[in-house]
Protein backbone atom coordinates (compact mmCIF):
# COMPACT_ATOMS: atom_id res chain seq x y z
CA MET A 1 0.02 -0.07 0.07
CA THR A 2 1.27 3.43 -0.95
CA ALA A 3 1.75 6.26 1.39
CA GLN A 4 -0.93 8.01 -0.59
CA ASP A 5 -3.39 5.31 0.02
CA LYS A 6 -2.45 5.05 3.84
CA LYS A 7 -3.17 8.79 3.97
CA LEU A 8 -6.50 8.49 2.34
CA LEU A 9 -7.71 5.55 4.44
CA LYS A 10 -6.55 7.47 7.68
CA LYS A 11 -8.29 10.61 6.67
CA PHE A 12 -11.81 9.07 5.77
CA THR A 13 -12.04 6.16 8.30
CA VAL A 14 -14.01 6.52 11.36
CA ALA A 15 -11.54 4.64 13.63
CA SER A 16 -13.01 5.99 17.01
CA PRO A 17 -16.03 7.79 18.34
CA ALA A 18 -13.97 10.92 18.28
CA ARG A 19 -13.86 10.76 14.58
CA SER A 20 -17.68 10.73 14.19
CA LYS A 21 -18.22 14.54 14.17
CA LEU A 22 -19.07 15.46 10.59
CA ALA A 23 -17.52 18.88 10.91
CA LEU A 24 -14.12 17.10 10.91
CA TYR A 25 -14.72 16.24 7.25
CA ASP A 26 -14.46 18.70 4.46
CA THR A 27 -17.37 17.85 1.85
CA LYS A 28 -15.11 19.53 -0.90
CA ASP A 29 -11.97 17.67 0.15
CA ASN A 30 -9.70 16.32 -2.55
CA THR A 31 -6.52 15.45 -0.54
CA VAL A 32 -5.11 12.87 -2.92
CA PHE A 33 -4.69 15.46 -5.84
CA GLU A 34 -2.70 18.49 -5.98
CA SER A 35 -5.48 20.54 -7.46
CA ASP A 36 -9.18 20.33 -8.60
CA GLU A 37 -8.23 17.88 -11.40
CA LYS A 38 -11.04 15.81 -12.58
CA ASP A 39 -9.21 14.24 -15.44
CA GLU A 40 -6.44 12.94 -12.92
CA ALA A 41 -8.99 11.36 -10.75
CA ARG A 42 -10.96 9.77 -13.63
CA ASP A 43 -7.72 8.37 -14.87
CA ALA A 44 -7.14 6.95 -11.26
CA LEU A 45 -10.60 5.49 -11.28
CA LYS A 46 -10.20 3.87 -14.55
CA SER A 47 -6.99 2.21 -13.47
CA ASP A 48 -8.64 1.07 -10.23
CA ALA A 49 -11.47 -0.36 -12.34
CA ASP A 50 -9.20 -2.48 -14.36
CA LYS A 51 -7.63 -3.85 -11.11
CA LEU A 52 -11.05 -4.40 -9.59
CA ARG A 53 -12.09 -6.43 -12.66
CA ASP A 54 -9.09 -8.78 -12.17
CA LEU A 55 -9.70 -9.01 -8.39
CA GLN A 56 -13.45 -9.55 -9.02
CA ARG A 57 -12.65 -12.60 -11.28
CA ILE A 58 -10.62 -14.17 -8.46
CA LEU A 59 -13.28 -13.32 -5.78
CA TRP A 60 -15.87 -15.12 -7.94
CA ALA A 61 -13.54 -18.22 -8.76
CA GLN A 62 -12.48 -18.74 -5.12
CA GLY A 63 -15.97 -18.28 -3.65
CA LYS A 64 -14.53 -17.77 -0.12
CA HIS A 65 -15.38 -14.07 0.55
CA ALA A 66 -18.33 -11.71 -0.09
CA ILE A 67 -18.16 -7.97 -0.13
CA LEU A 68 -20.99 -5.99 1.32
CA ILE A 69 -20.92 -2.21 0.40
CA VAL A 70 -23.40 -0.01 2.45
CA LEU A 71 -24.14 3.55 1.00
CA GLN A 72 -25.76 6.13 3.01
CA GLY A 73 -26.18 9.87 2.78
CA MET A 74 -28.62 12.78 2.42
CA ASP A 75 -30.77 13.21 -0.73
CA THR A 76 -28.68 14.01 -3.77
CA SER A 77 -25.41 12.75 -2.11
CA GLY A 78 -24.79 10.37 -5.10
CA LYS A 79 -25.74 6.94 -4.00
CA ASP A 80 -26.98 6.07 -7.51
CA GLY A 81 -24.04 7.70 -9.20
CA THR A 82 -21.44 6.03 -7.05
CA ILE A 83 -22.91 2.63 -7.91
CA ARG A 84 -22.96 3.57 -11.56
CA HIS A 85 -19.23 4.61 -11.82
CA VAL A 86 -17.65 2.35 -9.47
CA MET A 87 -19.57 -0.94 -9.99
CA GLY A 88 -20.39 -0.14 -13.62
CA PRO A 89 -17.27 -1.52 -15.02
CA LEU A 90 -17.46 -4.75 -13.26
CA ASN A 91 -19.01 -8.15 -14.44
CA PRO A 92 -22.75 -7.37 -13.53
CA GLN A 93 -23.23 -11.33 -12.98
CA GLY A 94 -21.17 -10.89 -9.63
CA VAL A 95 -22.88 -7.85 -8.43
CA TYR A 96 -26.02 -7.55 -6.42
CA VAL A 97 -27.56 -4.12 -5.74
CA ASN A 98 -30.58 -3.76 -3.40
CA SER A 99 -32.44 -0.75 -2.48
CA PHE A 100 -34.24 -0.30 0.91
CA LYS A 101 -37.32 2.13 0.88
CA LYS A 102 -40.33 2.07 3.37
CA PRO A 103 -40.98 -1.50 4.64
CA THR A 104 -43.71 -3.60 2.84
CA GLU A 105 -46.57 -5.23 4.66
CA LEU A 106 -44.74 -8.41 4.50
CA GLU A 107 -41.56 -6.79 5.86
CA MET A 108 -43.27 -5.24 8.61
CA GLN A 109 -44.52 -8.76 9.87
CA HIS A 110 -40.89 -9.65 10.55
CA ASP A 111 -37.97 -8.20 12.51
CA TYR A 112 -36.31 -5.12 10.85
CA LEU A 113 -33.30 -7.03 9.85
CA TRP A 114 -35.11 -9.82 8.12
CA ARG A 115 -35.37 -7.98 4.64
CA VAL A 116 -31.65 -7.27 5.10
CA HIS A 117 -30.23 -10.53 5.81
CA LYS A 118 -31.98 -12.23 3.08
CA VAL A 119 -30.34 -10.04 0.48
CA VAL A 120 -26.71 -10.26 1.93
CA PRO A 121 -24.51 -11.36 -0.99
CA PRO A 122 -23.33 -14.89 -1.28
CA LYS A 123 -19.59 -15.59 -1.28
CA GLY A 124 -18.01 -14.78 -4.46
CA TYR A 125 -20.20 -11.68 -4.90
CA ILE A 126 -20.14 -8.12 -4.30
CA GLY A 127 -23.37 -6.83 -2.80
CA VAL A 128 -24.36 -3.10 -2.75
CA PHE A 129 -26.96 -1.63 -0.35
CA ASN A 130 -28.53 1.72 -1.58
CA ARG A 131 -29.66 2.77 1.91
CA SER A 132 -29.72 -0.02 4.21
CA HIS A 133 -30.55 -1.35 7.77
CA TYR A 134 -29.38 2.05 9.09
CA GLU A 135 -32.70 3.57 7.97
CA ASP A 136 -34.15 1.80 10.87
CA ILE A 137 -32.03 3.92 13.13
CA LEU A 138 -32.16 7.17 11.12
CA VAL A 139 -35.89 7.58 10.59
CA PRO A 140 -36.91 6.74 14.23
CA PHE A 141 -34.09 8.93 15.43
CA VAL A 142 -35.31 11.97 13.48
CA LYS A 143 -39.06 11.34 13.98
CA GLY A 144 -38.75 10.40 17.77
CA SER A 145 -40.79 7.24 17.08
CA VAL A 146 -38.79 5.07 19.36
CA SER A 147 -37.34 5.45 22.90
CA PRO A 148 -33.67 6.03 23.41
CA GLU A 149 -33.64 2.77 24.97
CA GLN A 150 -34.95 1.11 21.92
CA LEU A 151 -32.47 3.12 19.83
CA GLN A 152 -29.63 1.75 21.85
CA GLU A 153 -30.95 -1.85 21.30
CA ARG A 154 -30.83 -1.17 17.65
CA TYR A 155 -27.29 -0.06 17.73
CA GLU A 156 -26.13 -3.10 19.59
CA GLN A 157 -28.25 -5.45 17.32
CA ILE A 158 -26.86 -4.00 14.20
CA ASN A 159 -23.25 -4.32 15.56
CA ASP A 160 -23.94 -7.92 16.49
CA PHE A 161 -25.47 -8.54 13.07
CA GLU A 162 -22.51 -7.07 11.20
CA LYS A 163 -19.92 -8.88 13.57
CA TYR A 164 -21.84 -12.17 12.52
CA LEU A 165 -21.46 -11.46 8.92
CA SER A 166 -17.72 -10.52 9.23
CA ARG A 167 -17.12 -13.86 10.95
CA ASN A 168 -18.84 -15.79 8.10
CA GLY A 169 -16.98 -14.44 5.26
CA VAL A 170 -18.69 -11.04 4.39
CA THR A 171 -16.45 -7.97 4.45
CA LEU A 172 -18.46 -4.86 5.07
CA LEU A 173 -17.53 -1.39 3.67
CA LYS A 174 -19.86 1.37 4.84
CA PHE A 175 -19.66 4.65 3.10
CA PHE A 176 -21.52 7.90 4.36
CA LEU A 177 -21.48 10.31 1.35
CA HIS A 178 -20.83 13.61 3.01
CA ILE A 179 -22.59 16.46 1.17
CA SER A 180 -22.92 20.01 2.15
CA LYS A 181 -26.30 21.71 2.45
CA ALA A 182 -25.38 24.30 -0.20
CA GLU A 183 -24.39 21.61 -2.74
CA GLN A 184 -27.64 19.73 -2.15
CA LYS A 185 -29.55 23.02 -2.89
CA GLU A 186 -27.70 23.14 -6.18
CA ARG A 187 -28.45 19.56 -7.04
CA LEU A 188 -31.92 20.03 -6.08
CA LEU A 189 -32.37 23.09 -8.29
CA ALA A 190 -30.81 21.33 -11.20
CA ARG A 191 -33.67 18.63 -10.81
CA LEU A 192 -36.35 21.41 -11.01
CA GLU A 193 -34.71 23.36 -13.82
CA GLN A 194 -33.42 20.77 -16.25
CA PRO A 195 -36.22 18.93 -17.89
CA HIS A 196 -34.17 15.71 -18.21
CA LYS A 197 -33.85 15.62 -14.53
CA ASN A 198 -37.48 16.53 -13.39
CA TRP A 199 -38.09 12.86 -12.81
CA LYS A 200 -35.59 12.84 -10.03
CA PHE A 201 -37.12 15.49 -8.14
CA ASN A 202 -39.32 14.23 -5.01
CA PRO A 203 -40.96 16.99 -2.89
CA GLY A 204 -40.35 14.66 0.22
CA ASP A 205 -36.59 15.45 -0.28
CA LEU A 206 -37.41 19.12 0.92
CA VAL A 207 -38.96 17.75 4.11
CA ALA A 208 -35.77 15.93 4.99
CA ARG A 209 -33.92 18.99 3.99
CA LYS A 210 -35.75 21.02 6.58
CA GLN A 211 -34.52 18.33 9.21
CA TRP A 212 -30.90 18.65 8.10
CA THR A 213 -29.50 19.31 11.60
CA LEU A 214 -31.48 16.32 12.94
CA TYR A 215 -30.22 14.01 10.20
CA GLN A 216 -26.68 15.20 10.77
CA LYS A 217 -27.20 14.34 14.49
CA ALA A 218 -28.44 11.05 13.66
CA TYR A 219 -25.41 10.04 11.21
CA GLU A 220 -22.93 11.15 13.73
CA SER A 221 -24.68 9.04 16.39
CA ILE A 222 -24.34 5.94 13.94
CA LEU A 223 -20.90 6.79 13.12
CA ALA A 224 -19.86 6.84 16.92
CA ARG A 225 -21.65 3.70 17.94
CA CYS A 226 -21.45 1.55 14.75
CA SER A 227 -17.82 2.04 13.32
CA LYS A 228 -16.34 -1.24 14.49
CA GLN A 229 -13.09 -3.03 13.65
CA TRP A 230 -15.01 -5.59 11.83
CA ALA A 231 -17.25 -3.05 9.93
CA ARG A 232 -15.79 0.56 9.61
CA TRP A 233 -17.48 3.60 8.44
CA PHE A 234 -15.99 5.92 5.91
CA VAL A 235 -16.92 9.42 5.52
CA VAL A 236 -16.41 10.31 1.88
CA PRO A 237 -16.54 13.98 0.62
CA ALA A 238 -19.42 14.09 -1.82
CA ASP A 239 -19.58 17.67 -3.04
CA ARG A 240 -17.27 16.85 -5.87
CA LYS A 241 -18.67 13.73 -7.67
CA TRP A 242 -15.54 12.82 -9.47
CA TYR A 243 -13.69 12.79 -6.03
CA ARG A 244 -16.38 10.81 -4.29
CA ASN A 245 -16.45 8.06 -6.94
CA PHE A 246 -12.42 7.79 -6.84
CA VAL A 247 -12.46 7.43 -2.96
CA VAL A 248 -15.13 4.71 -2.94
CA GLY A 249 -13.46 2.87 -5.70
CA ARG A 250 -10.04 3.08 -4.32
CA ILE A 251 -11.11 1.93 -0.78
CA LEU A 252 -12.81 -1.15 -2.52
CA ARG A 253 -9.73 -1.89 -4.46
CA LEU A 254 -7.55 -1.70 -1.37
CA THR A 255 -9.92 -3.92 0.58
CA LEU A 256 -9.93 -6.61 -1.98
CA GLU A 257 -6.24 -6.56 -2.20
CA ARG A 258 -5.86 -7.26 1.47
CA LEU A 259 -8.02 -10.44 1.15
CA ASP A 260 -6.39 -13.74 0.65
CA LEU A 261 -7.64 -13.91 -2.78
CA ALA A 262 -6.30 -16.65 -4.94
CA TYR A 263 -7.60 -18.80 -7.84
CA PRO A 264 -8.56 -22.27 -6.67
CA PRO A 265 -5.96 -25.04 -7.62
CA PRO A 266 -6.70 -27.02 -10.81
CA VAL A 267 -8.05 -30.40 -10.76
CA PRO A 268 -5.31 -33.15 -10.82
CA GLY A 269 -4.10 -34.47 -13.98
CA LEU A 270 -4.77 -31.59 -16.39
CA GLU A 271 -1.38 -32.17 -18.00
CA ASP A 272 -2.54 -35.70 -19.24
CA ILE A 273 -5.72 -34.52 -20.82
CA VAL A 274 -5.97 -34.81 -24.54
CA ILE A 275 -8.69 -33.15 -26.38
CA GLU A 276 -9.46 -35.00 -29.50
CA ASP A 277 -10.29 -33.61 -32.92
């Protein structure tokens, strides 16, 4: 791992509760690059994508590990864009993407982790959660619909759930896409003013925007309580889309490189096999 990569990981990893305050992270950060250089970042992302494709093939062939990527963030922070740019170059047969919206009637009849556990990626695959089980902390936190004691139970249950996954071959990468309120306004205005983006605009986003401070506090609470050694949170600057994509792609690549990935050994006797005409 290069010194540059170590610097990147150290800067964005929530390694302790003291690193959970969002004010510590600049939403416009572009630490790795000398200037606001999109082309340099895009070249780096393309290089990482080439390496990720090779690593994904080994992950698939070996069938020993699974990767679960959790994407959380305020509206317009770029969850969809991150999936498109980072996961897009990979073999789609080996990538599962799941979105979590308001629970269905069936899901409400089960515990809140039921709908999550059933779509955890199997070994050999990369899974992406566009929103996740953390919605079951965020929404109650903001709405005040559960007691502090119930929230504390959910923190503990989620930590136990993620620890269980990590001990059973699932490597978790949790990314909070950190966007500023000013940048969100610009992106919401673009959805209103540009006809080809009108379909993206949801008036409900404005309700959440009015509760910006509460959501920030909710995320800080999650980062403080649920960034564990077996499932770290990363706070990713999201005002610059190109830098957001680079950071997520680089951390994914570094994570795969740290696993004991190897092609399985060939079946014995291959050298003696003759394929007849």
